[in-house]
């Protein structure tokens, strides 16, 4: 297994370089790297809510394996009325966010 130090010294700077380039180009960027089970680093730039797909990626990366921690902000911030699992929790009008 790799170590956190290897992540900090080698991988994180490469990800930050890619993230900054993406930001310069107006892109949203999310990367999560796990060096051992349950131990991870996260790099992100841009608006994580630029799309539902990017928000899902962002919230999943932050959730640390907790499905509720991933879904609760999605339900809060997005229209989930078309989801067969989440529609009953929808807090937004059917026509938008």
Foldseek 3Di string as FASTA:
>chain_A
DDDPVCCVPPVVVVQVVVQVVCVVVVHWDWDWDAPDQLRIDIDIDHDCVPDLVSLLVVQVSVVSPPVCSSVVVCQVPWAPCVPPPCNVSHPDPPVID
